[in-house]
Amino acid sequence: KEQDLYKSYTLSEVIYELKKLRVITLNSGKSYLTEISQKQRMLFEKFGVPIPVAP
């Protein structure tokens, strides 16, 4: 509510957008984070959450 996201997105739309993020781990043990979309970046910024990076 504080960020006025309810005017543009429903709660289910926010959850759907953020659940698209994936960490892919190869057999070698190396991990990769899938690409973060512009919409996901905006949501992280609005919630004050740091943008995730691959471990």
PDB file of N, CA and C in Angstrom:
ATOM      1  N   LYS A   1       0.822  -1.199   0.000  1.00  0.00           N
ATOM      2  CA  LYS A   1       0.000   0.000   0.000  1.00  0.00           C
ATOM      3  C   LYS A   1       0.859   1.253   0.000  1.00  0.00           C
ATOM      4  N   GLU A   2       1.935   1.226   0.793  1.00  0.00           N
ATOM      5  CA  GLU A   2       2.770   2.413   0.928  1.00  0.00           C
ATOM      6  C   GLU A   2       3.394   2.834  -0.400  1.00  0.00           C
ATOM      7  N   GLN A   3       3.651   1.889  -1.281  1.00  0.00           N
ATOM      8  CA  GLN A   3       4.293   2.187  -2.555  1.00  0.00           C
ATOM      9  C   GLN A   3       3.279   2.339  -3.696  1.00  0.00           C
ATOM     10  N   ASP A   4       1.993   2.309  -3.384  1.00  0.00           N
ATOM     11  CA  ASP A   4       0.916   2.426  -4.378  1.00  0.00           C
ATOM     12  C   ASP A   4       0.966   1.336  -5.448  1.00  0.00           C
ATOM     13  N   LEU A   5       1.489   0.182  -5.107  1.00  0.00           N
ATOM     14  CA  LEU A   5       1.532  -0.916  -6.069  1.00  0.00           C
ATOM     15  C   LEU A   5       0.148  -1.481  -6.341  1.00  0.00           C
ATOM     16  N   TYR A   6      -0.755  -1.350  -5.392  1.00  0.00           N
ATOM     17  CA  TYR A   6      -2.103  -1.895  -5.559  1.00  0.00           C
ATOM     18  C   TYR A   6      -2.853  -1.239  -6.704  1.00  0.00           C
ATOM     19  N   LYS A   7      -2.411  -0.062  -7.140  1.00  0.00           N
ATOM     20  CA  LYS A   7      -3.062   0.614  -8.264  1.00  0.00           C
ATOM     21  C   LYS A   7      -2.701  -0.042  -9.595  1.00  0.00           C
ATOM     22  N   SER A   8      -1.519  -0.672  -9.646  1.00  0.00           N
ATOM     23  CA  SER A   8      -1.039  -1.272 -10.893  1.00  0.00           C
ATOM     24  C   SER A   8      -1.037  -2.791 -10.879  1.00  0.00           C
ATOM     25  N   TYR A   9      -0.854  -3.395  -9.698  1.00  0.00           N
ATOM     26  CA  TYR A   9      -0.686  -4.835  -9.605  1.00  0.00           C
ATOM     27  C   TYR A   9      -1.548  -5.413  -8.489  1.00  0.00           C
ATOM     28  N   THR A  10      -2.028  -6.632  -8.729  1.00  0.00           N
ATOM     29  CA  THR A  10      -2.674  -7.364  -7.645  1.00  0.00           C
ATOM     30  C   THR A  10      -1.586  -8.154  -6.918  1.00  0.00           C
ATOM     31  N   LEU A  11      -1.889  -8.655  -5.750  1.00  0.00           N
ATOM     32  CA  LEU A  11      -0.920  -9.440  -4.997  1.00  0.00           C
ATOM     33  C   LEU A  11      -0.494 -10.671  -5.791  1.00  0.00           C
ATOM     34  N   SER A  12      -1.436 -11.317  -6.450  1.00  0.00           N
ATOM     35  CA  SER A  12      -1.092 -12.515  -7.220  1.00  0.00           C
ATOM     36  C   SER A  12      -0.181 -12.182  -8.399  1.00  0.00           C
ATOM     37  N   GLU A  13      -0.338 -10.998  -9.001  1.00  0.00           N
ATOM     38  CA  GLU A  13       0.547 -10.588 -10.095  1.00  0.00           C
ATOM     39  C   GLU A  13       1.971 -10.350  -9.595  1.00  0.00           C
ATOM     40  N   VAL A  14       2.107  -9.774  -8.419  1.00  0.00           N
ATOM     41  CA  VAL A  14       3.429  -9.537  -7.835  1.00  0.00           C
ATOM     42  C   VAL A  14       4.104 -10.873  -7.541  1.00  0.00           C
ATOM     43  N   ILE A  15       3.384 -11.789  -6.920  1.00  0.00           N
ATOM     44  CA  ILE A  15       3.935 -13.102  -6.596  1.00  0.00           C
ATOM     45  C   ILE A  15       4.296 -13.850  -7.873  1.00  0.00           C
ATOM     46  N   TYR A  16       3.443 -13.804  -8.882  1.00  0.00           N
ATOM     47  CA  TYR A  16       3.711 -14.481 -10.152  1.00  0.00           C
ATOM     48  C   TYR A  16       4.993 -13.942 -10.785  1.00  0.00           C
ATOM     49  N   GLU A  17       5.170 -12.649 -10.751  1.00  0.00           N
ATOM     50  CA  GLU A  17       6.349 -12.029 -11.359  1.00  0.00           C
ATOM     51  C   GLU A  17       7.629 -12.429 -10.626  1.00  0.00           C
ATOM     52  N   LEU A  18       7.581 -12.453  -9.302  1.00  0.00           N
ATOM     53  CA  LEU A  18       8.785 -12.754  -8.533  1.00  0.00           C
ATOM     54  C   LEU A  18       9.112 -14.245  -8.504  1.00  0.00           C
ATOM     55  N   LYS A  19       8.122 -15.097  -8.700  1.00  0.00           N
ATOM     56  CA  LYS A  19       8.417 -16.536  -8.654  1.00  0.00           C
ATOM     57  C   LYS A  19       9.061 -17.022  -9.942  1.00  0.00           C
ATOM     58  N   LYS A  20       9.195 -16.172 -10.934  1.00  0.00           N
ATOM     59  CA  LYS A  20       9.879 -16.524 -12.174  1.00  0.00           C
ATOM     60  C   LYS A  20      11.392 -16.624 -11.986  1.00  0.00           C
ATOM     61  N   LEU A  21      11.918 -16.034 -10.921  1.00  0.00           N
ATOM     62  CA  LEU A  21      13.356 -16.080 -10.676  1.00  0.00           C
ATOM     63  C   LEU A  21      13.787 -17.508 -10.352  1.00  0.00           C
ATOM     64  N   ARG A  22      14.895 -17.911 -10.923  1.00  0.00           N
ATOM     65  CA  ARG A  22      15.402 -19.257 -10.708  1.00  0.00           C
ATOM     66  C   ARG A  22      16.913 -19.222 -10.528  1.00  0.00           C
ATOM     67  N   VAL A  23      17.414 -20.121  -9.696  1.00  0.00           N
ATOM     68  CA  VAL A  23      18.847 -20.352  -9.585  1.00  0.00           C
ATOM     69  C   VAL A  23      19.104 -21.712 -10.212  1.00  0.00           C
ATOM     70  N   ILE A  24      20.002 -21.725 -11.196  1.00  0.00           N
ATOM     71  CA  ILE A  24      20.334 -22.948 -11.906  1.00  0.00           C
ATOM     72  C   ILE A  24      21.709 -23.406 -11.429  1.00  0.00           C
ATOM     73  N   THR A  25      21.808 -24.630 -10.963  1.00  0.00           N
ATOM     74  CA  THR A  25      23.068 -25.187 -10.490  1.00  0.00           C
ATOM     75  C   THR A  25      23.504 -26.289 -11.446  1.00  0.00           C
ATOM     76  N   LEU A  26      24.698 -26.136 -11.986  1.00  0.00           N
ATOM     77  CA  LEU A  26      25.240 -27.124 -12.908  1.00  0.00           C
ATOM     78  C   LEU A  26      25.890 -28.271 -12.142  1.00  0.00           C
ATOM     79  N   ASN A  27      26.167 -29.364 -12.839  1.00  0.00           N
ATOM     80  CA  ASN A  27      26.820 -30.521 -12.206  1.00  0.00           C
ATOM     81  C   ASN A  27      28.170 -30.142 -11.625  1.00  0.00           C
ATOM     82  N   SER A  28      28.815 -29.142 -12.207  1.00  0.00           N
ATOM     83  CA  SER A  28      30.122 -28.705 -11.711  1.00  0.00           C
ATOM     84  C   SER A  28      29.998 -27.959 -10.386  1.00  0.00           C
ATOM     85  N   GLY A  29      28.777 -27.625  -9.983  1.00  0.00           N
ATOM     86  CA  GLY A  29      28.553 -26.922  -8.730  1.00  0.00           C
ATOM     87  C   GLY A  29      28.405 -25.422  -8.897  1.00  0.00           C
ATOM     88  N   LYS A  30      28.620 -24.926 -10.093  1.00  0.00           N
ATOM     89  CA  LYS A  30      28.503 -23.492 -10.352  1.00  0.00           C
ATOM     90  C   LYS A  30      27.025 -23.109 -10.469  1.00  0.00           C
ATOM     91  N   SER A  31      26.639 -21.994  -9.842  1.00  0.00           N
ATOM     92  CA  SER A  31      25.241 -21.546  -9.834  1.00  0.00           C
ATOM     93  C   SER A  31      25.067 -20.284 -10.663  1.00  0.00           C
ATOM     94  N   TYR A  32      23.937 -20.197 -11.324  1.00  0.00           N
ATOM     95  CA  TYR A  32      23.586 -19.021 -12.116  1.00  0.00           C
ATOM     96  C   TYR A  32      22.175 -18.589 -11.763  1.00  0.00           C
ATOM     97  N   LEU A  33      21.965 -17.293 -11.716  1.00  0.00           N
ATOM     98  CA  LEU A  33      20.642 -16.722 -11.488  1.00  0.00           C
ATOM     99  C   LEU A  33      20.057 -16.346 -12.837  1.00  0.00           C
ATOM    100  N   THR A  34      18.799 -16.704 -13.076  1.00  0.00           N
ATOM    101  CA  THR A  34      18.181 -16.322 -14.346  1.00  0.00           C
ATOM    102  C   THR A  34      18.093 -14.806 -14.429  1.00  0.00           C
ATOM    103  N   GLU A  35      17.921 -14.301 -15.610  1.00  0.00           N
ATOM    104  CA  GLU A  35      17.893 -12.863 -15.832  1.00  0.00           C
ATOM    105  C   GLU A  35      16.750 -12.215 -15.037  1.00  0.00           C
ATOM    106  N   ILE A  36      17.038 -11.056 -14.459  1.00  0.00           N
ATOM    107  CA  ILE A  36      16.036 -10.306 -13.693  1.00  0.00           C
ATOM    108  C   ILE A  36      15.413  -9.279 -14.619  1.00  0.00           C
ATOM    109  N   SER A  37      14.093  -9.350 -14.785  1.00  0.00           N
ATOM    110  CA  SER A  37      13.403  -8.440 -15.696  1.00  0.00           C
ATOM    111  C   SER A  37      13.299  -7.038 -15.090  1.00  0.00           C
ATOM    112  N   GLN A  38      12.968  -6.099 -15.935  1.00  0.00           N
ATOM    113  CA  GLN A  38      12.814  -4.714 -15.494  1.00  0.00           C
ATOM    114  C   GLN A  38      11.689  -4.595 -14.467  1.00  0.00           C
ATOM    115  N   LYS A  39      10.614  -5.344 -14.668  1.00  0.00           N
ATOM    116  CA  LYS A  39       9.489  -5.325 -13.739  1.00  0.00           C
ATOM    117  C   LYS A  39       9.905  -5.885 -12.377  1.00  0.00           C
ATOM    118  N   GLN A  40      10.704  -6.965 -12.393  1.00  0.00           N
ATOM    119  CA  GLN A  40      11.181  -7.554 -11.143  1.00  0.00           C
ATOM    120  C   GLN A  40      12.107  -6.582 -10.409  1.00  0.00           C
ATOM    121  N   ARG A  41      12.982  -5.913 -11.149  1.00  0.00           N
ATOM    122  CA  ARG A  41      13.866  -4.913 -10.532  1.00  0.00           C
ATOM    123  C   ARG A  41      13.059  -3.815  -9.853  1.00  0.00           C
ATOM    124  N   MET A  42      12.014  -3.348 -10.536  1.00  0.00           N
ATOM    125  CA  MET A  42      11.165  -2.299  -9.984  1.00  0.00           C
ATOM    126  C   MET A  42      10.500  -2.762  -8.701  1.00  0.00           C
ATOM    127  N   LEU A  43      10.013  -4.019  -8.672  1.00  0.00           N
ATOM    128  CA  LEU A  43       9.364  -4.546  -7.478  1.00  0.00           C
ATOM    129  C   LEU A  43      10.353  -4.644  -6.320  1.00  0.00           C
ATOM    130  N   PHE A  44      11.567  -5.117  -6.585  1.00  0.00           N
ATOM    131  CA  PHE A  44      12.583  -5.185  -5.530  1.00  0.00           C
ATOM    132  C   PHE A  44      12.871  -3.797  -4.971  1.00  0.00           C
ATOM    133  N   GLU A  45      12.990  -2.802  -5.850  1.00  0.00           N
ATOM    134  CA  GLU A  45      13.257  -1.434  -5.405  1.00  0.00           C
ATOM    135  C   GLU A  45      12.104  -0.890  -4.562  1.00  0.00           C
ATOM    136  N   LYS A  46      10.877  -1.125  -5.014  1.00  0.00           N
ATOM    137  CA  LYS A  46       9.704  -0.630  -4.276  1.00  0.00           C
ATOM    138  C   LYS A  46       9.607  -1.234  -2.875  1.00  0.00           C
ATOM    139  N   PHE A  47       9.975  -2.513  -2.752  1.00  0.00           N
ATOM    140  CA  PHE A  47       9.912  -3.185  -1.446  1.00  0.00           C
ATOM    141  C   PHE A  47      11.172  -2.948  -0.625  1.00  0.00           C
ATOM    142  N   GLY A  48      12.171  -2.296  -1.208  1.00  0.00           N
ATOM    143  CA  GLY A  48      13.402  -2.023  -0.457  1.00  0.00           C
ATOM    144  C   GLY A  48      14.245  -3.273  -0.247  1.00  0.00           C
ATOM    145  N   VAL A  49      14.128  -4.225  -1.157  1.00  0.00           N
ATOM    146  CA  VAL A  49      14.877  -5.482  -1.066  1.00  0.00           C
ATOM    147  C   VAL A  49      16.053  -5.399  -2.029  1.00  0.00           C
ATOM    148  N   PRO A  50      17.263  -5.763  -1.589  1.00  0.00           N
ATOM    149  CA  PRO A  50      18.393  -5.748  -2.518  1.00  0.00           C
ATOM    150  C   PRO A  50      18.184  -6.738  -3.652  1.00  0.00           C
ATOM    151  N   ILE A  51      18.610  -6.368  -4.841  1.00  0.00           N
ATOM    152  CA  ILE A  51      18.470  -7.241  -6.002  1.00  0.00           C
ATOM    153  C   ILE A  51      19.381  -8.449  -5.808  1.00  0.00           C
ATOM    154  N   PRO A  52      18.833  -9.662  -5.917  1.00  0.00           N
ATOM    155  CA  PRO A  52      19.628 -10.858  -5.644  1.00  0.00           C
ATOM    156  C   PRO A  52      20.716 -11.082  -6.690  1.00  0.00           C
ATOM    157  N   VAL A  53      21.788 -11.734  -6.253  1.00  0.00           N
ATOM    158  CA  VAL A  53      22.871 -12.133  -7.142  1.00  0.00           C
ATOM    159  C   VAL A  53      23.086 -13.626  -6.955  1.00  0.00           C
ATOM    160  N   ALA A  54      23.699 -14.259  -7.943  1.00  0.00           N
ATOM    161  CA  ALA A  54      23.944 -15.698  -7.848  1.00  0.00           C
ATOM    162  C   ALA A  54      24.903 -15.988  -6.708  1.00  0.00           C
ATOM    163  N   PRO A  55      24.662 -17.079  -6.001  1.00  0.00           N
ATOM    164  CA  PRO A  55      25.545 -17.425  -4.869  1.00  0.00           C
ATOM    165  C   PRO A  55      26.928 -17.822  -5.308  1.00  0.00           C
TER     166      PRO A  55
END
